Every structure is written in C-alpha cells, then in structure tokens.
Amino acid sequence: MKIKLICIGKTSKSFLKEGEELYLKRISHYCNIEKIEISELKNTKKLSIKEIKQKEGKLILKHINKEDNIILLDESGKEFKSLDFSIYLNKKINLTRKNLSFIIGGSYGFSNEIYRRADEQVSLSKMTFSHQMIRLFFLEQIYRCYTIINGKPYHNE
C-alpha cells in the first residue's frame, strides 16, 4: 500500500518546502509515500469558478487509479483529534489493499466529479489555512499517526 498526497499548485515558500521534505523523509521510514504536485492552471481570468474546478478535477483524476481509496482534505469533512486520526489511518492501512490518496484541491475546492469519486472527506480544522500550509500540517499529522501506531515517543497525550 502507498499513501499519495495529491495537491493543486506547488509549494513556493522555502521554509514550508523544508518542512514537507523533513516529514516526507520521516514518514518514508514507516510507509511508501508520494507527494504529487499538479501545476496551477494558467490564464483563468476568463473562466468561471465552476470551470476552474472542473479543469483541476480532470488533472487530479489523471493521478488516481480506479482502486485508490480517495480522501479529500475538505473544510466540510470529518474532524479528528490526533489520536483518533491515528486509529482511523491504522484501520485504513489494515483494511484496504488499495492506495490511500489524500487530495488537497485548489483555491475554490473540488469539482462535483471529484466529490462523487471521493470515498471520504477529512477536515484538519474549521479555520482556513493556505493550501501550502495545509500540506505541511497534514504531513506532520501523518507522521504523528505513525509514531502513535508504533508506540514512538512523539505525541504527548
């Protein structure tokens, strides 16, 4: 099984890139993980929000397989405490032979097609964060989950 993090846009801030690289390296000790960055659309001024979401949705679909378990990182998704998220992730790991694909959409969210294709939605917070920051926060949470699952001293509760 592999965990994929699929994101619209690239991380431009060096301090966020360094954090992502740190957690990707740490997570790789526990599982196969891949971060896929899809370039942001160009020349979108004449496009409606719906059209932007549809075009981004088509780009996202190119990176997922039919058998992937798709989890959207979406503000309307289910919220977890870190310990509960580790239980959730551990169940996913143990109960599926599929890849887990977590998707961070663009500025306007996801197309209806992506919502229909998704198996679940998870929210990291009711607050709004930049898409670049969410990547780092999410990767840290995945690492935290693996340390909880494996009884490593990282999470204090």
N, C-alpha and C. Protein backbone atom coordinates (compact mmCIF):
# COMPACT_ATOMS: atom_id res chain seq x y z
N MET A 1 0.83 -1.19 0.00
CA MET A 1 0.00 0.00 0.00
C MET A 1 0.87 1.25 0.00
N LYS A 2 0.36 2.26 -0.64
CA LYS A 2 1.07 3.54 -0.75
C LYS A 2 0.12 4.65 -0.33
N ILE A 3 0.67 5.69 0.29
CA ILE A 3 -0.08 6.90 0.56
C ILE A 3 0.36 7.94 -0.46
N LYS A 4 -0.63 8.53 -1.13
CA LYS A 4 -0.36 9.61 -2.08
C LYS A 4 -1.00 10.88 -1.54
N LEU A 5 -0.25 11.96 -1.61
CA LEU A 5 -0.79 13.28 -1.31
C LEU A 5 -0.77 14.05 -2.63
N ILE A 6 -1.97 14.32 -3.14
CA ILE A 6 -2.11 14.99 -4.43
C ILE A 6 -2.55 16.43 -4.16
N CYS A 7 -1.79 17.38 -4.70
CA CYS A 7 -2.03 18.80 -4.41
C CYS A 7 -2.10 19.61 -5.70
N ILE A 8 -2.99 20.59 -5.70
CA ILE A 8 -3.01 21.56 -6.79
C ILE A 8 -2.03 22.68 -6.41
N GLY A 9 -1.12 22.98 -7.30
CA GLY A 9 -0.14 24.04 -7.06
C GLY A 9 1.13 23.51 -6.42
N LYS A 10 2.14 24.32 -6.48
CA LYS A 10 3.44 23.96 -5.92
C LYS A 10 3.69 24.77 -4.65
N THR A 11 4.51 24.22 -3.77
CA THR A 11 4.91 24.94 -2.57
C THR A 11 6.02 25.90 -2.96
N SER A 12 5.82 27.19 -2.71
CA SER A 12 6.80 28.18 -3.12
C SER A 12 7.67 28.69 -1.97
N LYS A 13 7.19 28.64 -0.77
CA LYS A 13 7.94 29.14 0.39
C LYS A 13 8.98 28.11 0.82
N SER A 14 10.22 28.53 0.93
CA SER A 14 11.30 27.58 1.24
C SER A 14 11.13 26.93 2.61
N PHE A 15 10.66 27.69 3.60
CA PHE A 15 10.52 27.11 4.93
C PHE A 15 9.43 26.02 4.94
N LEU A 16 8.40 26.17 4.11
CA LEU A 16 7.38 25.13 4.01
C LEU A 16 7.91 23.92 3.25
N LYS A 17 8.67 24.16 2.19
CA LYS A 17 9.29 23.05 1.43
C LYS A 17 10.19 22.23 2.33
N GLU A 18 10.99 22.91 3.15
CA GLU A 18 11.90 22.19 4.07
C GLU A 18 11.11 21.34 5.06
N GLY A 19 10.03 21.89 5.58
CA GLY A 19 9.19 21.13 6.49
C GLY A 19 8.56 19.92 5.82
N GLU A 20 8.05 20.11 4.61
CA GLU A 20 7.48 18.99 3.87
C GLU A 20 8.51 17.90 3.64
N GLU A 21 9.70 18.29 3.21
CA GLU A 21 10.76 17.31 2.96
C GLU A 21 11.13 16.56 4.23
N LEU A 22 11.20 17.28 5.35
CA LEU A 22 11.50 16.65 6.63
C LEU A 22 10.48 15.57 6.96
N TYR A 23 9.18 15.91 6.87
CA TYR A 23 8.15 14.93 7.24
C TYR A 23 8.00 13.83 6.20
N LEU A 24 8.21 14.13 4.93
CA LEU A 24 8.18 13.06 3.93
C LEU A 24 9.27 12.04 4.21
N LYS A 25 10.45 12.52 4.58
CA LYS A 25 11.56 11.61 4.91
C LYS A 25 11.23 10.79 6.15
N ARG A 26 10.67 11.42 7.17
CA ARG A 26 10.32 10.70 8.40
C ARG A 26 9.23 9.66 8.13
N ILE A 27 8.23 10.04 7.36
CA ILE A 27 7.13 9.12 7.05
C ILE A 27 7.64 7.93 6.24
N SER A 28 8.61 8.17 5.37
CA SER A 28 9.12 7.09 4.50
C SER A 28 9.74 5.94 5.28
N HIS A 29 10.05 6.15 6.56
CA HIS A 29 10.54 5.05 7.40
C HIS A 29 9.41 4.09 7.76
N TYR A 30 8.17 4.54 7.63
CA TYR A 30 7.01 3.73 8.01
C TYR A 30 6.20 3.22 6.82
N CYS A 31 6.19 3.97 5.73
CA CYS A 31 5.37 3.57 4.58
C CYS A 31 5.92 4.20 3.30
N ASN A 32 5.37 3.73 2.20
CA ASN A 32 5.67 4.30 0.90
C ASN A 32 4.76 5.51 0.72
N ILE A 33 5.33 6.69 0.58
CA ILE A 33 4.54 7.92 0.43
C ILE A 33 5.04 8.70 -0.77
N GLU A 34 4.09 9.31 -1.47
CA GLU A 34 4.42 10.10 -2.65
C GLU A 34 3.61 11.39 -2.61
N LYS A 35 4.28 12.51 -2.83
CA LYS A 35 3.59 13.79 -2.96
C LYS A 35 3.57 14.15 -4.43
N ILE A 36 2.37 14.43 -4.95
CA ILE A 36 2.19 14.79 -6.35
C ILE A 36 1.68 16.22 -6.41
N GLU A 37 2.44 17.08 -7.05
CA GLU A 37 2.03 18.47 -7.21
C GLU A 37 1.57 18.68 -8.65
N ILE A 38 0.34 19.14 -8.78
CA ILE A 38 -0.23 19.44 -10.09
C ILE A 38 -0.13 20.95 -10.30
N SER A 39 0.45 21.35 -11.41
CA SER A 39 0.63 22.79 -11.68
C SER A 39 -0.72 23.51 -11.69
N GLU A 40 -0.72 24.72 -11.12
CA GLU A 40 -1.93 25.54 -11.15
C GLU A 40 -2.26 25.90 -12.59
N LEU A 41 -3.55 26.11 -12.84
CA LEU A 41 -4.00 26.49 -14.17
C LEU A 41 -3.50 27.89 -14.52
N LYS A 42 -3.23 28.11 -15.77
CA LYS A 42 -2.81 29.42 -16.27
C LYS A 42 -3.99 30.08 -16.98
N ASN A 43 -3.96 31.39 -17.06
CA ASN A 43 -4.95 32.17 -17.82
C ASN A 43 -6.39 31.82 -17.41
N THR A 44 -6.68 31.97 -16.13
CA THR A 44 -8.00 31.59 -15.62
C THR A 44 -8.96 32.78 -15.46
N LYS A 45 -8.53 33.98 -15.83
CA LYS A 45 -9.37 35.17 -15.62
C LYS A 45 -10.72 35.08 -16.33
N LYS A 46 -10.75 34.42 -17.48
CA LYS A 46 -11.99 34.33 -18.25
C LYS A 46 -12.82 33.10 -17.87
N LEU A 47 -12.32 32.29 -16.95
CA LEU A 47 -13.03 31.08 -16.54
C LEU A 47 -13.86 31.33 -15.30
N SER A 48 -14.99 30.67 -15.23
CA SER A 48 -15.80 30.72 -14.01
C SER A 48 -15.17 29.81 -12.95
N ILE A 49 -15.59 29.98 -11.72
CA ILE A 49 -15.09 29.12 -10.64
C ILE A 49 -15.42 27.67 -10.95
N LYS A 50 -16.61 27.42 -11.45
CA LYS A 50 -17.02 26.05 -11.81
C LYS A 50 -16.08 25.47 -12.86
N GLU A 51 -15.74 26.27 -13.87
CA GLU A 51 -14.84 25.79 -14.93
C GLU A 51 -13.45 25.51 -14.39
N ILE A 52 -12.96 26.35 -13.49
CA ILE A 52 -11.65 26.13 -12.88
C ILE A 52 -11.66 24.81 -12.11
N LYS A 53 -12.70 24.60 -11.29
CA LYS A 53 -12.78 23.36 -10.51
C LYS A 53 -12.88 22.13 -11.42
N GLN A 54 -13.60 22.25 -12.52
CA GLN A 54 -13.72 21.13 -13.46
C GLN A 54 -12.37 20.80 -14.11
N LYS A 55 -11.64 21.83 -14.53
CA LYS A 55 -10.34 21.61 -15.15
C LYS A 55 -9.35 21.00 -14.14
N GLU A 56 -9.35 21.53 -12.92
CA GLU A 56 -8.48 20.96 -11.88
C GLU A 56 -8.89 19.52 -11.59
N GLY A 57 -10.18 19.27 -11.57
CA GLY A 57 -10.67 17.92 -11.32
C GLY A 57 -10.15 16.92 -12.35
N LYS A 58 -10.15 17.31 -13.60
CA LYS A 58 -9.63 16.43 -14.66
C LYS A 58 -8.15 16.15 -14.45
N LEU A 59 -7.40 17.15 -14.01
CA LEU A 59 -5.97 16.95 -13.75
C LEU A 59 -5.76 16.01 -12.56
N ILE A 60 -6.59 16.16 -11.54
CA ILE A 60 -6.49 15.28 -10.36
C ILE A 60 -6.77 13.84 -10.76
N LEU A 61 -7.82 13.63 -11.55
CA LEU A 61 -8.22 12.27 -11.93
C LEU A 61 -7.12 11.52 -12.67
N LYS A 62 -6.23 12.25 -13.34
CA LYS A 62 -5.12 11.60 -14.04
C LYS A 62 -4.15 10.93 -13.08
N HIS A 63 -4.18 11.32 -11.80
CA HIS A 63 -3.21 10.82 -10.82
C HIS A 63 -3.80 9.80 -9.85
N ILE A 64 -5.04 9.43 -10.06
CA ILE A 64 -5.62 8.41 -9.19
C ILE A 64 -6.05 7.20 -10.01
N ASN A 65 -5.96 6.05 -9.38
CA ASN A 65 -6.36 4.80 -10.01
C ASN A 65 -7.78 4.45 -9.59
N LYS A 66 -8.43 3.62 -10.36
CA LYS A 66 -9.80 3.22 -10.04
C LYS A 66 -9.90 2.58 -8.67
N GLU A 67 -8.86 1.86 -8.27
CA GLU A 67 -8.92 1.13 -6.99
C GLU A 67 -8.42 1.97 -5.80
N ASP A 68 -7.97 3.18 -6.04
CA ASP A 68 -7.49 4.03 -4.93
C ASP A 68 -8.64 4.40 -3.99
N ASN A 69 -8.32 4.47 -2.71
CA ASN A 69 -9.25 4.98 -1.70
C ASN A 69 -8.99 6.48 -1.63
N ILE A 70 -9.99 7.28 -2.01
CA ILE A 70 -9.81 8.73 -2.16
C ILE A 70 -10.38 9.45 -0.94
N ILE A 71 -9.53 10.24 -0.30
CA ILE A 71 -9.93 11.02 0.86
C ILE A 71 -9.60 12.48 0.56
N LEU A 72 -10.64 13.30 0.53
CA LEU A 72 -10.45 14.73 0.26
C LEU A 72 -10.16 15.46 1.56
N LEU A 73 -9.20 16.34 1.53
CA LEU A 73 -8.98 17.25 2.65
C LEU A 73 -9.86 18.45 2.36
N ASP A 74 -10.96 18.53 3.08
CA ASP A 74 -12.02 19.48 2.77
C ASP A 74 -12.58 20.05 4.05
N GLU A 75 -12.86 21.34 4.05
CA GLU A 75 -13.33 22.01 5.26
C GLU A 75 -14.63 21.43 5.80
N SER A 76 -15.41 20.77 4.96
CA SER A 76 -16.67 20.19 5.44
C SER A 76 -16.52 18.72 5.85
N GLY A 77 -15.30 18.22 5.84
CA GLY A 77 -15.06 16.82 6.19
C GLY A 77 -15.09 16.57 7.69
N LYS A 78 -14.90 15.31 8.04
CA LYS A 78 -14.90 14.90 9.45
C LYS A 78 -13.62 15.39 10.13
N GLU A 79 -13.78 15.91 11.33
CA GLU A 79 -12.62 16.35 12.11
C GLU A 79 -12.23 15.27 13.11
N PHE A 80 -10.93 15.19 13.39
CA PHE A 80 -10.38 14.21 14.32
C PHE A 80 -9.43 14.88 15.29
N LYS A 81 -9.31 14.34 16.49
CA LYS A 81 -8.16 14.61 17.33
C LYS A 81 -7.04 13.73 16.78
N SER A 82 -5.79 14.06 17.08
CA SER A 82 -4.67 13.31 16.51
C SER A 82 -4.72 11.82 16.85
N LEU A 83 -5.05 11.50 18.08
CA LEU A 83 -5.11 10.09 18.48
C LEU A 83 -6.20 9.37 17.69
N ASP A 84 -7.35 9.99 17.53
CA ASP A 84 -8.44 9.39 16.76
C ASP A 84 -8.08 9.25 15.29
N PHE A 85 -7.36 10.24 14.75
CA PHE A 85 -6.94 10.15 13.36
C PHE A 85 -5.95 8.99 13.16
N SER A 86 -5.10 8.74 14.16
CA SER A 86 -4.17 7.61 14.05
C SER A 86 -4.93 6.28 14.02
N ILE A 87 -6.01 6.19 14.79
CA ILE A 87 -6.85 4.98 14.77
C ILE A 87 -7.51 4.84 13.40
N TYR A 88 -8.04 5.94 12.90
CA TYR A 88 -8.67 5.97 11.57
C TYR A 88 -7.67 5.52 10.49
N LEU A 89 -6.48 6.12 10.50
CA LEU A 89 -5.47 5.79 9.50
C LEU A 89 -5.03 4.33 9.63
N ASN A 90 -4.85 3.86 10.84
CA ASN A 90 -4.44 2.48 11.06
C ASN A 90 -5.49 1.50 10.50
N LYS A 91 -6.76 1.81 10.70
CA LYS A 91 -7.83 0.97 10.13
C LYS A 91 -7.75 0.98 8.62
N LYS A 92 -7.54 2.15 8.04
CA LYS A 92 -7.43 2.25 6.58
C LYS A 92 -6.26 1.40 6.07
N ILE A 93 -5.15 1.49 6.77
CA ILE A 93 -3.95 0.75 6.37
C ILE A 93 -4.21 -0.76 6.44
N ASN A 94 -4.86 -1.19 7.51
CA ASN A 94 -5.06 -2.62 7.73
C ASN A 94 -6.23 -3.22 6.95
N LEU A 95 -7.20 -2.41 6.58
CA LEU A 95 -8.40 -2.95 5.94
C LEU A 95 -8.43 -2.79 4.43
N THR A 96 -7.47 -2.10 3.88
CA THR A 96 -7.50 -1.90 2.44
C THR A 96 -6.19 -2.34 1.80
N ARG A 97 -6.32 -2.88 0.63
CA ARG A 97 -5.13 -3.20 -0.17
C ARG A 97 -4.87 -2.07 -1.17
N LYS A 98 -5.78 -1.14 -1.18
CA LYS A 98 -5.70 -0.03 -2.12
C LYS A 98 -4.73 1.03 -1.63
N ASN A 99 -4.34 1.90 -2.56
CA ASN A 99 -3.58 3.08 -2.17
C ASN A 99 -4.52 4.06 -1.49
N LEU A 100 -4.00 4.79 -0.53
CA LEU A 100 -4.74 5.89 0.08
C LEU A 100 -4.29 7.16 -0.60
N SER A 101 -5.20 7.84 -1.26
CA SER A 101 -4.88 9.09 -1.93
C SER A 101 -5.61 10.22 -1.22
N PHE A 102 -4.84 11.07 -0.57
CA PHE A 102 -5.37 12.26 0.08
C PHE A 102 -5.20 13.41 -0.90
N ILE A 103 -6.25 14.20 -1.08
CA ILE A 103 -6.20 15.25 -2.10
C ILE A 103 -6.48 16.61 -1.48
N ILE A 104 -5.59 17.56 -1.79
CA ILE A 104 -5.77 18.97 -1.43
C ILE A 104 -6.09 19.71 -2.72
N GLY A 105 -7.29 20.27 -2.80
CA GLY A 105 -7.73 20.93 -4.02
C GLY A 105 -7.15 22.33 -4.17
N GLY A 106 -7.64 23.00 -5.17
CA GLY A 106 -7.23 24.38 -5.43
C GLY A 106 -7.97 25.36 -4.54
N SER A 107 -7.80 26.62 -4.83
CA SER A 107 -8.38 27.69 -4.01
C SER A 107 -9.90 27.63 -3.89
N TYR A 108 -10.56 27.07 -4.89
CA TYR A 108 -12.01 27.05 -4.90
C TYR A 108 -12.59 25.70 -4.48
N GLY A 109 -11.73 24.77 -4.10
CA GLY A 109 -12.22 23.47 -3.68
C GLY A 109 -12.24 22.48 -4.82
N PHE A 110 -13.20 21.57 -4.79
CA PHE A 110 -13.24 20.45 -5.72
C PHE A 110 -14.45 20.52 -6.64
N SER A 111 -14.30 19.91 -7.80
CA SER A 111 -15.43 19.78 -8.73
C SER A 111 -16.39 18.72 -8.20
N ASN A 112 -17.61 18.75 -8.71
CA ASN A 112 -18.60 17.74 -8.32
C ASN A 112 -18.11 16.34 -8.68
N GLU A 113 -17.38 16.23 -9.77
CA GLU A 113 -16.86 14.93 -10.20
C GLU A 113 -15.89 14.36 -9.15
N ILE A 114 -15.06 15.21 -8.58
CA ILE A 114 -14.12 14.76 -7.55
C ILE A 114 -14.87 14.39 -6.28
N TYR A 115 -15.87 15.18 -5.90
CA TYR A 115 -16.67 14.83 -4.72
C TYR A 115 -17.35 13.47 -4.92
N ARG A 116 -17.86 13.20 -6.13
CA ARG A 116 -18.51 11.91 -6.39
C ARG A 116 -17.51 10.77 -6.34
N ARG A 117 -16.30 11.01 -6.79
CA ARG A 117 -15.27 9.96 -6.83
C ARG A 117 -14.69 9.67 -5.45
N ALA A 118 -14.76 10.64 -4.55
CA ALA A 118 -14.16 10.50 -3.22
C ALA A 118 -14.91 9.48 -2.37
N ASP A 119 -14.15 8.79 -1.54
CA ASP A 119 -14.72 7.85 -0.59
C ASP A 119 -15.08 8.55 0.71
N GLU A 120 -14.28 9.55 1.08
CA GLU A 120 -14.49 10.26 2.35
C GLU A 120 -13.90 11.65 2.26
N GLN A 121 -14.25 12.46 3.28
CA GLN A 121 -13.69 13.81 3.42
C GLN A 121 -13.21 13.98 4.85
N VAL A 122 -12.04 14.57 4.99
CA VAL A 122 -11.46 14.85 6.30
C VAL A 122 -11.12 16.33 6.36
N SER A 123 -11.39 16.95 7.50
CA SER A 123 -11.04 18.35 7.72
C SER A 123 -9.94 18.42 8.77
N LEU A 124 -8.95 19.25 8.53
CA LEU A 124 -7.88 19.43 9.52
C LEU A 124 -8.25 20.49 10.54
N SER A 125 -9.19 21.37 10.19
CA SER A 125 -9.57 22.44 11.10
C SER A 125 -10.77 23.18 10.53
N LYS A 126 -11.49 23.86 11.39
CA LYS A 126 -12.55 24.75 10.92
C LYS A 126 -11.95 26.06 10.42
N MET A 127 -10.70 26.32 10.79
CA MET A 127 -10.01 27.53 10.33
C MET A 127 -9.58 27.35 8.88
N THR A 128 -9.32 28.47 8.21
CA THR A 128 -8.83 28.44 6.84
C THR A 128 -7.32 28.68 6.86
N PHE A 129 -6.60 27.81 6.15
CA PHE A 129 -5.15 27.95 6.01
C PHE A 129 -4.81 27.95 4.52
N SER A 130 -3.64 28.47 4.18
CA SER A 130 -3.21 28.41 2.78
C SER A 130 -3.01 26.95 2.40
N HIS A 131 -3.18 26.68 1.11
CA HIS A 131 -3.00 25.31 0.64
C HIS A 131 -1.58 24.81 0.88
N GLN A 132 -0.63 25.72 0.84
CA GLN A 132 0.76 25.32 1.09
C GLN A 132 0.96 24.93 2.55
N MET A 133 0.35 25.65 3.46
CA MET A 133 0.50 25.32 4.88
C MET A 133 -0.20 24.01 5.22
N ILE A 134 -1.36 23.77 4.61
CA ILE A 134 -2.10 22.54 4.87
C ILE A 134 -1.26 21.32 4.54
N ARG A 135 -0.47 21.38 3.49
CA ARG A 135 0.40 20.25 3.11
C ARG A 135 1.34 19.90 4.25
N LEU A 136 1.98 20.93 4.81
CA LEU A 136 2.91 20.69 5.91
C LEU A 136 2.17 20.17 7.13
N PHE A 137 1.05 20.79 7.48
CA PHE A 137 0.27 20.34 8.65
C PHE A 137 -0.17 18.89 8.47
N PHE A 138 -0.64 18.56 7.26
CA PHE A 138 -1.12 17.20 7.02
C PHE A 138 0.02 16.18 7.10
N LEU A 139 1.15 16.50 6.50
CA LEU A 139 2.28 15.57 6.55
C LEU A 139 2.74 15.36 8.00
N GLU A 140 2.73 16.43 8.79
CA GLU A 140 3.10 16.28 10.20
C GLU A 140 2.11 15.35 10.89
N GLN A 141 0.83 15.46 10.58
CA GLN A 141 -0.18 14.60 11.19
C GLN A 141 -0.01 13.14 10.78
N ILE A 142 0.35 12.90 9.54
CA ILE A 142 0.60 11.52 9.09
C ILE A 142 1.79 10.95 9.86
N TYR A 143 2.84 11.74 10.00
CA TYR A 143 3.99 11.28 10.79
C TYR A 143 3.58 11.02 12.23
N ARG A 144 2.82 11.92 12.80
CA ARG A 144 2.35 11.76 14.19
C ARG A 144 1.54 10.46 14.31
N CYS A 145 0.69 10.18 13.34
CA CYS A 145 -0.11 8.95 13.36
C CYS A 145 0.80 7.72 13.41
N TYR A 146 1.80 7.70 12.56
CA TYR A 146 2.69 6.53 12.54
C TYR A 146 3.46 6.38 13.84
N THR A 147 3.83 7.49 14.47
CA THR A 147 4.54 7.35 15.76
C THR A 147 3.58 6.84 16.83
N ILE A 148 2.33 7.27 16.79
CA ILE A 148 1.33 6.76 17.74
C ILE A 148 1.10 5.27 17.51
N ILE A 149 0.89 4.90 16.25
CA ILE A 149 0.62 3.50 15.90
C ILE A 149 1.78 2.60 16.34
N ASN A 150 3.00 3.10 16.22
CA ASN A 150 4.19 2.31 16.53
C ASN A 150 4.74 2.54 17.93
N GLY A 151 4.01 3.28 18.74
CA GLY A 151 4.42 3.49 20.13
C GLY A 151 5.70 4.28 20.30
N LYS A 152 5.98 5.18 19.39
CA LYS A 152 7.19 6.00 19.46
C LYS A 152 6.91 7.28 20.25
N PRO A 153 7.91 7.79 20.94
CA PRO A 153 7.71 8.99 21.76
C PRO A 153 7.74 10.28 20.91
N TYR A 154 6.59 10.69 20.46
CA TYR A 154 6.47 11.95 19.71
C TYR A 154 5.22 12.68 20.14
N HIS A 155 4.12 11.96 20.22
CA HIS A 155 2.83 12.54 20.59
C HIS A 155 2.66 12.47 22.11
N ASN A 156 2.30 13.59 22.70
CA ASN A 156 2.04 13.62 24.15
C ASN A 156 0.56 13.80 24.39
N GLU A 157 -0.01 12.85 25.11
CA GLU A 157 -1.43 12.99 25.46
C GLU A 157 -1.67 12.27 26.77
